[in-house]
């Protein structure tokens, strides 16, 4: 009896060690082969990351299934009746599993059509952020505040991909009605010409002109096309340069004012 327990325990230990070693070496081999394939077929980095995470995900599921099957065989648990029972149980909960099937099918078409890839900035299912992983069931999306969102693939009905092509950098500048409009436009045009040599910009930036006449200020719009994910830093730098240039030439920016009138009763 003791020999049987020791033998069974030893076989389980060997199986666990084999599982860990196979998973570690398999992950490294998959990653290595994918990187070689990238150099050979000229795949993009985002496509490589997408395929890598998906294949590693599938490999983990298959390896876990084999581990459980071999564990049952060690304890001499017949797998056939379990599979048959699972089939009957599967029919019983088939309606409940429709969501899972929908997740897998949707995930397959997302990968096939290359709607999104790892590392891209997207908006989907009410969330915006960077894609970290596209799995068979869920897609992981990291919001800019650091939140990691797990989105079931069946909820990915429409996608806004902000990482394909150039992006628009838009800056609105507000000035007082008392300011010299022609002088302000000339200053802004000079600032834009400085940024036209910036490598972040693909086109522009240019002063479009007066965009709005508000109750307290005039709005002048600057627009340019930047490389992907560079629009925000470009907008910040333009605002800073515009502020310094307007301050230097004594062009005032509007700010909330309140006028108080005191009427003395004679």
Protein backbone atom coordinates (compact mmCIF):
# COMPACT_ATOMS: atom_id res chain seq x y z
CA UNK A 1 0.00 0.00 0.00
CA UNK A 2 2.81 2.37 0.95
CA UNK A 3 4.63 1.51 -2.27
CA UNK A 4 1.53 2.37 -4.29
CA UNK A 5 1.14 5.74 -2.56
CA UNK A 6 4.83 6.57 -3.05
CA UNK A 7 4.72 5.48 -6.69
CA UNK A 8 1.59 7.49 -7.40
CA UNK A 9 2.96 10.55 -5.63
CA UNK A 10 6.21 10.27 -7.59
CA UNK A 11 4.33 10.06 -10.89
CA UNK A 12 2.22 13.11 -9.96
CA UNK A 13 5.37 15.03 -9.04
CA UNK A 14 7.03 14.10 -12.33
CA UNK A 15 3.88 15.16 -14.19
CA UNK A 16 3.78 18.55 -12.42
CA UNK A 17 7.48 19.18 -13.12
CA UNK A 18 7.01 18.12 -16.75
CA UNK A 19 4.04 20.49 -17.07
CA UNK A 20 6.01 23.44 -15.69
CA UNK A 21 9.09 22.71 -17.83
CA UNK A 22 7.02 22.14 -21.00
CA UNK A 23 5.04 25.35 -20.45
CA UNK A 24 8.19 27.40 -19.86
CA UNK A 25 10.12 25.98 -22.81
CA UNK A 26 7.03 26.06 -25.04
CA UNK A 27 6.41 29.74 -24.33
CA UNK A 28 10.04 30.58 -25.11
CA UNK A 29 10.00 28.51 -28.30
CA UNK A 30 6.75 30.07 -29.54
CA UNK A 31 8.07 33.57 -28.88
CA UNK A 32 11.37 32.80 -30.64
CA UNK A 33 9.69 31.28 -33.70
CA UNK A 34 7.28 34.20 -34.00
CA UNK A 35 10.11 36.73 -33.88
CA UNK A 36 11.93 34.82 -36.64
CA UNK A 37 8.73 34.73 -38.68
CA UNK A 38 8.36 38.49 -38.22
CA UNK A 39 11.75 39.15 -39.80
CA UNK A 40 10.96 36.72 -42.63
CA UNK A 41 7.43 37.90 -43.47
CA UNK A 42 7.84 41.56 -42.46
CA UNK A 43 5.05 41.53 -39.84
CA UNK A 44 4.38 44.68 -37.84
CA UNK A 45 5.26 44.77 -34.16
CA UNK A 46 1.61 45.11 -33.13
CA UNK A 47 0.64 42.09 -35.26
CA UNK A 48 3.48 40.08 -33.69
CA UNK A 49 2.28 40.89 -30.16
CA UNK A 50 -1.30 40.01 -31.07
CA UNK A 51 -0.38 36.61 -32.52
CA UNK A 52 2.07 35.90 -29.72
CA UNK A 53 -0.47 36.41 -26.94
CA UNK A 54 -3.14 34.45 -28.80
CA UNK A 55 -0.91 31.44 -29.55
CA UNK A 56 0.43 31.40 -25.99
CA UNK A 57 -3.16 31.48 -24.76
CA UNK A 58 -4.15 28.49 -26.93
CA UNK A 59 -0.97 26.61 -25.96
CA UNK A 60 -1.78 27.08 -22.27
CA UNK A 61 -5.33 25.70 -22.71
CA UNK A 62 -4.13 22.65 -24.65
CA UNK A 63 -1.33 21.93 -22.20
CA UNK A 64 -3.71 22.22 -19.25
CA UNK A 65 -6.15 19.80 -20.88
CA UNK A 66 -3.35 17.25 -21.42
CA UNK A 67 -2.16 17.71 -17.84
CA UNK A 68 -5.63 17.03 -16.43
CA UNK A 69 -6.10 13.99 -18.72
CA UNK A 70 -2.77 12.48 -17.66
CA UNK A 71 -3.52 13.22 -14.01
CA UNK A 72 -6.77 11.26 -14.30
CA UNK A 73 -4.91 8.36 -15.90
CA UNK A 74 -2.43 8.28 -12.99
CA UNK A 75 -5.30 7.86 -10.54
CA UNK A 76 -6.93 5.41 -12.98
CA UNK A 77 -10.02 7.52 -13.41
CA UNK A 78 -11.71 6.55 -16.71
CA UNK A 79 -11.89 9.56 -19.00
CA UNK A 80 -14.48 8.12 -21.40
CA UNK A 81 -17.46 8.28 -19.00
CA UNK A 82 -16.36 11.74 -17.93
CA UNK A 83 -16.37 12.94 -21.52
CA UNK A 84 -19.77 11.35 -22.07
CA UNK A 85 -21.09 13.00 -18.93
CA UNK A 86 -19.60 16.26 -20.05
CA UNK A 87 -21.46 15.86 -23.34
CA UNK A 88 -24.78 15.37 -21.58
CA UNK A 89 -24.01 18.26 -19.25
CA UNK A 90 -23.03 20.34 -22.25
CA UNK A 91 -26.45 19.81 -23.79
CA UNK A 92 -28.08 20.78 -20.51
CA UNK A 93 -26.20 24.06 -20.26
CA UNK A 94 -25.98 24.70 -23.98
CA UNK A 95 -28.17 27.76 -23.85
CA UNK A 96 -26.08 29.16 -21.02
CA UNK A 97 -22.89 28.67 -23.05
CA UNK A 98 -24.10 30.72 -26.00
CA UNK A 99 -22.21 33.73 -24.68
CA UNK A 100 -18.96 31.76 -24.55
CA UNK A 101 -19.40 30.52 -28.12
CA UNK A 102 -20.20 34.05 -29.25
CA UNK A 103 -17.03 35.33 -27.54
CA UNK A 104 -14.83 32.79 -29.32
CA UNK A 105 -16.42 33.33 -32.75
CA UNK A 106 -16.22 37.13 -32.45
CA UNK A 107 -12.62 36.92 -31.26
CA UNK A 108 -11.76 34.77 -34.29
CA UNK A 109 -13.20 37.29 -36.75
CA UNK A 110 -11.52 40.21 -34.95
CA UNK A 111 -8.17 38.50 -35.49
CA UNK A 112 -8.99 37.43 -39.03
CA UNK A 113 -10.10 40.90 -40.14
CA UNK A 114 -7.33 42.62 -38.11
CA UNK A 115 -9.77 45.15 -36.71
CA UNK A 116 -7.53 45.77 -33.69
CA UNK A 117 -4.06 44.69 -32.61
CA UNK A 118 -2.03 44.76 -29.42
CA UNK A 119 -0.59 48.20 -28.68
CA UNK A 120 -3.25 50.15 -30.56
CA UNK A 121 -5.38 52.92 -29.09
CA UNK A 122 -9.08 52.12 -29.56
CA UNK A 123 -12.57 52.96 -28.30
CA UNK A 124 -14.90 50.01 -27.85
CA UNK A 125 -17.88 49.06 -25.67
CA UNK A 126 -17.75 52.42 -23.89
CA UNK A 127 -14.02 52.15 -23.04
CA UNK A 128 -10.97 53.89 -24.49
CA UNK A 129 -7.37 52.78 -24.06
CA UNK A 130 -4.48 50.67 -25.30
CA UNK A 131 -5.06 47.05 -26.31
CA UNK A 132 -2.94 44.75 -24.13
CA UNK A 133 -4.24 41.35 -25.18
CA UNK A 134 -6.74 39.80 -27.59
CA UNK A 135 -7.86 36.42 -26.27
CA UNK A 136 -10.33 33.81 -27.40
CA UNK A 137 -12.91 35.01 -24.87
CA UNK A 138 -11.94 38.50 -23.78
CA UNK A 139 -9.95 41.51 -24.89
CA UNK A 140 -7.87 43.41 -22.34
CA UNK A 141 -7.91 47.20 -22.67
CA UNK A 142 -5.77 49.49 -20.49
CA UNK A 143 -7.37 52.90 -19.88
CA UNK A 144 -5.17 55.97 -19.53
CA UNK A 145 -5.86 56.14 -15.79
CA UNK A 146 -4.30 52.67 -15.45
CA UNK A 147 -7.53 50.66 -15.21
CA UNK A 148 -7.38 47.26 -16.93
CA UNK A 149 -10.73 46.51 -18.60
CA UNK A 150 -11.75 42.95 -19.49
CA UNK A 151 -14.22 43.14 -22.39
CA UNK A 152 -16.05 39.98 -23.55
CA UNK A 153 -15.52 39.68 -27.29
CA UNK A 154 -19.28 39.44 -27.93
CA UNK A 155 -19.61 43.04 -26.70
CA UNK A 156 -17.20 44.28 -29.38
CA UNK A 157 -19.81 45.34 -31.91
CA UNK A 158 -18.25 48.51 -33.29
CA UNK A 159 -14.63 49.65 -32.90
CA UNK A 160 -13.04 53.07 -33.29
CA UNK A 161 -9.35 52.49 -34.02
CA UNK A 162 -7.33 55.64 -33.37
CA UNK A 163 -4.01 54.07 -34.36
CA UNK A 164 -4.46 53.73 -38.10
CA UNK A 165 -3.08 56.64 -40.11
CA UNK A 166 -2.35 60.19 -38.98
CA UNK A 167 -4.13 62.01 -36.16
CA UNK A 168 -5.39 65.57 -35.87
CA UNK A 169 -3.83 68.05 -33.48
CA UNK A 170 -6.34 70.82 -32.73
CA UNK A 171 -5.72 73.89 -30.59
CA UNK A 172 -8.23 76.68 -29.94
CA UNK A 173 -6.82 80.04 -28.84
CA UNK A 174 -9.04 82.59 -27.09
CA UNK A 175 -8.32 86.34 -27.15
CA UNK A 176 -10.14 89.47 -25.97
CA UNK A 177 -12.24 91.52 -28.33
CA UNK A 178 -9.95 94.46 -27.51
CA UNK A 179 -6.90 92.61 -28.93
CA UNK A 180 -5.54 93.38 -32.38
CA UNK A 181 -6.87 90.49 -34.47
CA UNK A 182 -4.47 90.88 -37.41
CA UNK A 183 -1.48 91.08 -35.08
CA UNK A 184 -2.64 87.96 -33.22
CA UNK A 185 -3.09 86.00 -36.45
CA UNK A 186 0.40 87.03 -37.53
CA UNK A 187 1.88 85.86 -34.20
CA UNK A 188 0.06 82.52 -34.38
CA UNK A 189 1.17 82.02 -37.97
CA UNK A 190 4.80 82.52 -36.91
CA UNK A 191 4.38 79.96 -34.13
CA UNK A 192 2.89 77.46 -36.59
CA UNK A 193 5.81 77.88 -38.99
CA UNK A 194 8.18 76.93 -36.17
CA UNK A 195 6.27 73.68 -35.59
CA UNK A 196 6.09 72.81 -39.28
CA UNK A 197 9.69 71.61 -38.96
CA UNK A 198 8.74 69.40 -36.01
CA UNK A 199 9.08 65.70 -36.92
CA UNK A 200 5.84 64.89 -35.12
CA UNK A 201 3.85 66.76 -37.75
CA UNK A 202 3.01 65.18 -41.08
CA UNK A 203 1.06 68.21 -42.30
CA UNK A 204 0.85 71.73 -40.88
CA UNK A 205 0.09 73.05 -38.35
CA UNK A 206 -1.72 76.00 -39.86
CA UNK A 207 -3.93 78.80 -38.59
CA UNK A 208 -7.44 78.24 -39.93
CA UNK A 209 -8.61 81.65 -38.75
CA UNK A 210 -11.43 82.86 -36.54
CA UNK A 211 -13.49 79.86 -35.54
CA UNK A 212 -16.03 81.45 -33.18
CA UNK A 213 -17.19 84.78 -31.86
CA UNK A 214 -18.18 84.13 -28.27
CA UNK A 215 -19.82 86.34 -25.68
CA UNK A 216 -16.51 87.34 -24.10
CA UNK A 217 -13.78 86.21 -26.49
CA UNK A 218 -12.71 85.40 -30.04
CA UNK A 219 -11.64 81.83 -30.77
CA UNK A 220 -8.88 81.18 -33.31
CA UNK A 221 -8.26 77.59 -34.41
CA UNK A 222 -4.94 75.89 -35.24
CA UNK A 223 -4.98 72.46 -36.92
CA UNK A 224 -2.28 70.02 -38.03
CA UNK A 225 -1.85 66.32 -38.81
CA UNK A 226 0.60 64.39 -36.64
CA UNK A 227 2.04 60.92 -36.45
CA UNK A 228 -0.06 58.46 -34.52
CA UNK A 229 -0.20 59.00 -30.72
CA UNK A 230 1.81 62.24 -31.05
CA UNK A 231 -1.17 64.61 -31.23
CA UNK A 232 -1.47 65.26 -27.49
CA UNK A 233 2.16 66.22 -26.88
CA UNK A 234 2.08 68.39 -30.01
CA UNK A 235 -1.05 70.21 -28.78
CA UNK A 236 0.53 70.86 -25.37
CA UNK A 237 3.68 72.28 -26.93
CA UNK A 238 1.70 74.51 -29.29
CA UNK A 239 -0.35 75.92 -26.41
CA UNK A 240 2.80 76.69 -24.46
CA UNK A 241 4.51 78.38 -27.43
CA UNK A 242 1.38 80.40 -28.23
CA UNK A 243 1.03 81.58 -24.64
CA UNK A 244 4.65 82.73 -24.49
CA UNK A 245 4.38 84.50 -27.86
CA UNK A 246 1.11 86.28 -26.99
CA UNK A 247 2.44 87.35 -23.59
CA UNK A 248 5.60 88.72 -25.21
CA UNK A 249 3.53 90.87 -27.58
CA UNK A 250 1.09 91.83 -24.82
CA UNK A 251 -1.91 90.09 -26.36
CA UNK A 252 -4.28 89.41 -23.49
CA UNK A 253 -6.11 86.14 -22.99
CA UNK A 254 -9.68 86.43 -21.70
CA UNK A 255 -10.43 85.53 -18.11
CA UNK A 256 -13.60 85.71 -16.04
CA UNK A 257 -14.38 89.24 -14.91
CA UNK A 258 -17.09 90.64 -12.70
CA UNK A 259 -18.15 94.26 -12.62
CA UNK A 260 -19.78 95.59 -9.45
CA UNK A 261 -21.78 98.82 -9.52
CA UNK A 262 -22.55 100.56 -6.28
CA UNK A 263 -25.51 102.95 -6.40
CA UNK A 264 -25.88 105.30 -3.46
CA UNK A 265 -29.42 106.17 -2.47
CA UNK A 266 -29.69 109.91 -1.79
